[in-house]
Amino acid sequence: MAEAQKRLSHTTLKRRQRLHPKRDVRPAVLAKANRLVISAAAFIGLSFLAIVILQAVLG
């Protein structure tokens, strides 16, 4: 049973090593995506507030 456990851990280790670290998402790409998400959320929030204010003024 110990050998089966050893074999299993060896295969999982091999699988983990197959993930190439250079293929990971770079921090600059993540930062750019975060900025895009934040700016989109700010635009949607400001648009919502503008519509609410406009309806309050007109209605």
PDB file of N, CA and C in Angstrom:
ATOM      1  N   MET A   1       0.831  -1.197   0.000  1.00  0.00           N
ATOM      2  CA  MET A   1       0.000   0.000   0.000  1.00  0.00           C
ATOM      3  C   MET A   1       0.873   1.258   0.000  1.00  0.00           C
ATOM      4  N   ALA A   2       1.982   1.181   0.689  1.00  0.00           N
ATOM      5  CA  ALA A   2       2.875   2.338   0.740  1.00  0.00           C
ATOM      6  C   ALA A   2       3.452   2.633  -0.642  1.00  0.00           C
ATOM      7  N   GLU A   3       3.688   1.559  -1.401  1.00  0.00           N
ATOM      8  CA  GLU A   3       4.214   1.767  -2.755  1.00  0.00           C
ATOM      9  C   GLU A   3       3.190   2.422  -3.658  1.00  0.00           C
ATOM     10  N   ALA A   4       1.920   2.034  -3.509  1.00  0.00           N
ATOM     11  CA  ALA A   4       0.857   2.659  -4.305  1.00  0.00           C
ATOM     12  C   ALA A   4       0.765   4.143  -3.972  1.00  0.00           C
ATOM     13  N   GLN A   5       0.882   4.468  -2.713  1.00  0.00           N
ATOM     14  CA  GLN A   5       0.849   5.876  -2.284  1.00  0.00           C
ATOM     15  C   GLN A   5       2.032   6.637  -2.866  1.00  0.00           C
ATOM     16  N   LYS A   6       3.190   5.980  -2.867  1.00  0.00           N
ATOM     17  CA  LYS A   6       4.397   6.596  -3.396  1.00  0.00           C
ATOM     18  C   LYS A   6       4.256   6.856  -4.896  1.00  0.00           C
ATOM     19  N   ARG A   7       3.711   5.849  -5.609  1.00  0.00           N
ATOM     20  CA  ARG A   7       3.506   5.986  -7.051  1.00  0.00           C
ATOM     21  C   ARG A   7       2.534   7.125  -7.358  1.00  0.00           C
ATOM     22  N   LEU A   8       1.474   7.197  -6.572  1.00  0.00           N
ATOM     23  CA  LEU A   8       0.464   8.231  -6.786  1.00  0.00           C
ATOM     24  C   LEU A   8       1.066   9.621  -6.586  1.00  0.00           C
ATOM     25  N   SER A   9       1.845   9.792  -5.519  1.00  0.00           N
ATOM     26  CA  SER A   9       2.438  11.099  -5.263  1.00  0.00           C
ATOM     27  C   SER A   9       3.444  11.466  -6.360  1.00  0.00           C
ATOM     28  N   HIS A  10       4.119  10.431  -6.890  1.00  0.00           N
ATOM     29  CA  HIS A  10       5.079  10.694  -7.964  1.00  0.00           C
ATOM     30  C   HIS A  10       4.370  11.184  -9.223  1.00  0.00           C
ATOM     31  N   THR A  11       3.216  10.564  -9.559  1.00  0.00           N
ATOM     32  CA  THR A  11       2.497  10.995 -10.764  1.00  0.00           C
ATOM     33  C   THR A  11       1.914  12.390 -10.573  1.00  0.00           C
ATOM     34  N   THR A  12       1.402  12.679  -9.389  1.00  0.00           N
ATOM     35  CA  THR A  12       0.859  14.019  -9.158  1.00  0.00           C
ATOM     36  C   THR A  12       1.977  15.057  -9.198  1.00  0.00           C
ATOM     37  N   LEU A  13       3.161  14.665  -8.713  1.00  0.00           N
ATOM     38  CA  LEU A  13       4.296  15.583  -8.770  1.00  0.00           C
ATOM     39  C   LEU A  13       4.668  15.863 -10.221  1.00  0.00           C
ATOM     40  N   LYS A  14       4.658  14.815 -11.044  1.00  0.00           N
ATOM     41  CA  LYS A  14       4.958  15.001 -12.464  1.00  0.00           C
ATOM     42  C   LYS A  14       3.944  15.934 -13.105  1.00  0.00           C
ATOM     43  N   ARG A  15       2.668  15.739 -12.757  1.00  0.00           N
ATOM     44  CA  ARG A  15       1.615  16.581 -13.328  1.00  0.00           C
ATOM     45  C   ARG A  15       1.814  18.043 -12.942  1.00  0.00           C
ATOM     46  N   ARG A  16       2.203  18.252 -11.687  1.00  0.00           N
ATOM     47  CA  ARG A  16       2.418  19.623 -11.232  1.00  0.00           C
ATOM     48  C   ARG A  16       3.603  20.266 -11.946  1.00  0.00           C
ATOM     49  N   GLN A  17       4.626  19.482 -12.223  1.00  0.00           N
ATOM     50  CA  GLN A  17       5.804  20.036 -12.883  1.00  0.00           C
ATOM     51  C   GLN A  17       5.522  20.367 -14.346  1.00  0.00           C
ATOM     52  N   ARG A  18       4.473  19.728 -14.923  1.00  0.00           N
ATOM     53  CA  ARG A  18       4.147  19.992 -16.322  1.00  0.00           C
ATOM     54  C   ARG A  18       3.671  21.431 -16.524  1.00  0.00           C
ATOM     55  N   LEU A  19       3.060  22.022 -15.495  1.00  0.00           N
ATOM     56  CA  LEU A  19       2.637  23.419 -15.603  1.00  0.00           C
ATOM     57  C   LEU A  19       3.873  24.300 -15.671  1.00  0.00           C
ATOM     58  N   HIS A  20       4.031  24.959 -16.767  1.00  0.00           N
ATOM     59  CA  HIS A  20       5.229  25.762 -16.968  1.00  0.00           C
ATOM     60  C   HIS A  20       5.060  27.115 -16.293  1.00  0.00           C
ATOM     61  N   PRO A  21       6.023  27.545 -15.467  1.00  0.00           N
ATOM     62  CA  PRO A  21       5.859  28.830 -14.779  1.00  0.00           C
ATOM     63  C   PRO A  21       5.791  30.020 -15.734  1.00  0.00           C
ATOM     64  N   LYS A  22       6.398  29.899 -16.918  1.00  0.00           N
ATOM     65  CA  LYS A  22       6.353  31.019 -17.855  1.00  0.00           C
ATOM     66  C   LYS A  22       4.982  31.162 -18.504  1.00  0.00           C
ATOM     67  N   ARG A  23       4.178  30.119 -18.412  1.00  0.00           N
ATOM     68  CA  ARG A  23       2.832  30.182 -18.990  1.00  0.00           C
ATOM     69  C   ARG A  23       1.840  30.832 -18.047  1.00  0.00           C
ATOM     70  N   ASP A  24       2.228  31.072 -16.824  1.00  0.00           N
ATOM     71  CA  ASP A  24       1.335  31.729 -15.870  1.00  0.00           C
ATOM     72  C   ASP A  24       1.064  33.156 -16.307  1.00  0.00           C
ATOM     73  N   VAL A  25      -0.047  33.706 -15.812  1.00  0.00           N
ATOM     74  CA  VAL A  25      -0.401  35.085 -16.157  1.00  0.00           C
ATOM     75  C   VAL A  25       0.593  36.028 -15.501  1.00  0.00           C
ATOM     76  N   ARG A  26       1.109  36.941 -16.264  1.00  0.00           N
ATOM     77  CA  ARG A  26       2.094  37.885 -15.727  1.00  0.00           C
ATOM     78  C   ARG A  26       1.398  38.949 -14.869  1.00  0.00           C
ATOM     79  N   PRO A  27       2.090  39.482 -13.866  1.00  0.00           N
ATOM     80  CA  PRO A  27       1.481  40.500 -13.000  1.00  0.00           C
ATOM     81  C   PRO A  27       1.042  41.743 -13.764  1.00  0.00           C
ATOM     82  N   ALA A  28       1.755  42.111 -14.831  1.00  0.00           N
ATOM     83  CA  ALA A  28       1.365  43.297 -15.597  1.00  0.00           C
ATOM     84  C   ALA A  28       0.018  43.075 -16.279  1.00  0.00           C
ATOM     85  N   VAL A  29      -0.197  41.868 -16.766  1.00  0.00           N
ATOM     86  CA  VAL A  29      -1.475  41.548 -17.412  1.00  0.00           C
ATOM     87  C   VAL A  29      -2.600  41.600 -16.391  1.00  0.00           C
ATOM     88  N   LEU A  30      -2.341  41.060 -15.189  1.00  0.00           N
ATOM     89  CA  LEU A  30      -3.350  41.105 -14.131  1.00  0.00           C
ATOM     90  C   LEU A  30      -3.662  42.541 -13.721  1.00  0.00           C
ATOM     91  N   ALA A  31      -2.638  43.374 -13.612  1.00  0.00           N
ATOM     92  CA  ALA A  31      -2.849  44.765 -13.232  1.00  0.00           C
ATOM     93  C   ALA A  31      -3.672  45.492 -14.287  1.00  0.00           C
ATOM     94  N   LYS A  32      -3.383  45.220 -15.566  1.00  0.00           N
ATOM     95  CA  LYS A  32      -4.140  45.854 -16.644  1.00  0.00           C
ATOM     96  C   LYS A  32      -5.601  45.410 -16.605  1.00  0.00           C
ATOM     97  N   ALA A  33      -5.835  44.121 -16.368  1.00  0.00           N
ATOM     98  CA  ALA A  33      -7.197  43.604 -16.286  1.00  0.00           C
ATOM     99  C   ALA A  33      -7.929  44.201 -15.086  1.00  0.00           C
ATOM    100  N   ASN A  34      -7.221  44.351 -13.965  1.00  0.00           N
ATOM    101  CA  ASN A  34      -7.836  44.953 -12.777  1.00  0.00           C
ATOM    102  C   ASN A  34      -8.231  46.394 -13.048  1.00  0.00           C
ATOM    103  N   ARG A  35      -7.344  47.134 -13.721  1.00  0.00           N
ATOM    104  CA  ARG A  35      -7.682  48.524 -14.061  1.00  0.00           C
ATOM    105  C   ARG A  35      -8.902  48.591 -14.972  1.00  0.00           C
ATOM    106  N   LEU A  36      -8.983  47.678 -15.937  1.00  0.00           N
ATOM    107  CA  LEU A  36     -10.116  47.653 -16.861  1.00  0.00           C
ATOM    108  C   LEU A  36     -11.412  47.363 -16.116  1.00  0.00           C
ATOM    109  N   VAL A  37     -11.380  46.406 -15.206  1.00  0.00           N
ATOM    110  CA  VAL A  37     -12.574  46.044 -14.439  1.00  0.00           C
ATOM    111  C   VAL A  37     -13.000  47.206 -13.547  1.00  0.00           C
ATOM    112  N   ILE A  38     -12.042  47.841 -12.902  1.00  0.00           N
ATOM    113  CA  ILE A  38     -12.374  48.956 -12.006  1.00  0.00           C
ATOM    114  C   ILE A  38     -12.947  50.131 -12.792  1.00  0.00           C
ATOM    115  N   SER A  39     -12.353  50.441 -13.942  1.00  0.00           N
ATOM    116  CA  SER A  39     -12.868  51.555 -14.736  1.00  0.00           C
ATOM    117  C   SER A  39     -14.262  51.241 -15.292  1.00  0.00           C
ATOM    118  N   ALA A  40     -14.502  49.998 -15.697  1.00  0.00           N
ATOM    119  CA  ALA A  40     -15.827  49.619 -16.189  1.00  0.00           C
ATOM    120  C   ALA A  40     -16.858  49.715 -15.068  1.00  0.00           C
ATOM    121  N   ALA A  41     -16.494  49.257 -13.875  1.00  0.00           N
ATOM    122  CA  ALA A  41     -17.414  49.328 -12.735  1.00  0.00           C
ATOM    123  C   ALA A  41     -17.698  50.781 -12.360  1.00  0.00           C
ATOM    124  N   ALA A  42     -16.681  51.629 -12.413  1.00  0.00           N
ATOM    125  CA  ALA A  42     -16.877  53.049 -12.102  1.00  0.00           C
ATOM    126  C   ALA A  42     -17.785  53.696 -13.139  1.00  0.00           C
ATOM    127  N   PHE A  43     -17.595  53.355 -14.408  1.00  0.00           N
ATOM    128  CA  PHE A  43     -18.437  53.904 -15.472  1.00  0.00           C
ATOM    129  C   PHE A  43     -19.894  53.487 -15.288  1.00  0.00           C
ATOM    130  N   ILE A  44     -20.120  52.219 -14.969  1.00  0.00           N
ATOM    131  CA  ILE A  44     -21.491  51.728 -14.771  1.00  0.00           C
ATOM    132  C   ILE A  44     -22.120  52.399 -13.555  1.00  0.00           C
ATOM    133  N   GLY A  45     -21.358  52.532 -12.472  1.00  0.00           N
ATOM    134  CA  GLY A  45     -21.883  53.172 -11.269  1.00  0.00           C
ATOM    135  C   GLY A  45     -22.213  54.640 -11.485  1.00  0.00           C
ATOM    136  N   LEU A  46     -21.321  55.355 -12.170  1.00  0.00           N
ATOM    137  CA  LEU A  46     -21.592  56.776 -12.436  1.00  0.00           C
ATOM    138  C   LEU A  46     -22.767  56.945 -13.389  1.00  0.00           C
ATOM    139  N   SER A  47     -22.890  56.058 -14.363  1.00  0.00           N
ATOM    140  CA  SER A  47     -24.035  56.125 -15.280  1.00  0.00           C
ATOM    141  C   SER A  47     -25.337  55.899 -14.518  1.00  0.00           C
ATOM    142  N   PHE A  48     -25.326  54.924 -13.616  1.00  0.00           N
ATOM    143  CA  PHE A  48     -26.511  54.658 -12.807  1.00  0.00           C
ATOM    144  C   PHE A  48     -26.885  55.873 -11.957  1.00  0.00           C
ATOM    145  N   LEU A  49     -25.889  56.482 -11.323  1.00  0.00           N
ATOM    146  CA  LEU A  49     -26.162  57.671 -10.506  1.00  0.00           C
ATOM    147  C   LEU A  49     -26.680  58.821 -11.355  1.00  0.00           C
ATOM    148  N   ALA A  50     -26.109  58.990 -12.547  1.00  0.00           N
ATOM    149  CA  ALA A  50     -26.569  60.059 -13.437  1.00  0.00           C
ATOM    150  C   ALA A  50     -28.014  59.837 -13.836  1.00  0.00           C
ATOM    151  N   ILE A  51     -28.398  58.618 -14.123  1.00  0.00           N
ATOM    152  CA  ILE A  51     -29.785  58.326 -14.517  1.00  0.00           C
ATOM    153  C   ILE A  51     -30.724  58.582 -13.343  1.00  0.00           C
ATOM    154  N   VAL A  52     -30.331  58.165 -12.144  1.00  0.00           N
ATOM    155  CA  VAL A  52     -31.179  58.382 -10.960  1.00  0.00           C
ATOM    156  C   VAL A  52     -31.355  59.875 -10.696  1.00  0.00           C
ATOM    157  N   ILE A  53     -30.276  60.643 -10.780  1.00  0.00           N
ATOM    158  CA  ILE A  53     -30.338  62.097 -10.558  1.00  0.00           C
ATOM    159  C   ILE A  53     -31.186  62.764 -11.636  1.00  0.00           C
ATOM    160  N   LEU A  54     -31.007  62.331 -12.880  1.00  0.00           N
ATOM    161  CA  LEU A  54     -31.779  62.897 -13.977  1.00  0.00           C
ATOM    162  C   LEU A  54     -33.264  62.620 -13.800  1.00  0.00           C
ATOM    163  N   GLN A  55     -33.625  61.415 -13.386  1.00  0.00           N
ATOM    164  CA  GLN A  55     -35.034  61.112 -13.162  1.00  0.00           C
ATOM    165  C   GLN A  55     -35.609  61.887 -11.985  1.00  0.00           C
ATOM    166  N   ALA A  56     -34.774  62.119 -10.972  1.00  0.00           N
ATOM    167  CA  ALA A  56     -35.252  62.890  -9.806  1.00  0.00           C
ATOM    168  C   ALA A  56     -35.499  64.344 -10.191  1.00  0.00           C
ATOM    169  N   VAL A  57     -34.647  64.889 -11.067  1.00  0.00           N
ATOM    170  CA  VAL A  57     -34.802  66.278 -11.474  1.00  0.00           C
ATOM    171  C   VAL A  57     -35.985  66.442 -12.412  1.00  0.00           C
ATOM    172  N   LEU A  58     -36.135  65.541 -13.350  1.00  0.00           N
ATOM    173  CA  LEU A  58     -37.201  65.643 -14.337  1.00  0.00           C
ATOM    174  C   LEU A  58     -38.553  65.152 -13.809  1.00  0.00           C
ATOM    175  N   GLY A  59     -38.529  64.176 -12.920  1.00  0.00           N
ATOM    176  CA  GLY A  59     -39.790  63.578 -12.458  1.00  0.00           C
ATOM    177  C   GLY A  59     -40.258  64.244 -11.228  1.00  0.00           C
TER     178      GLY A  59
END
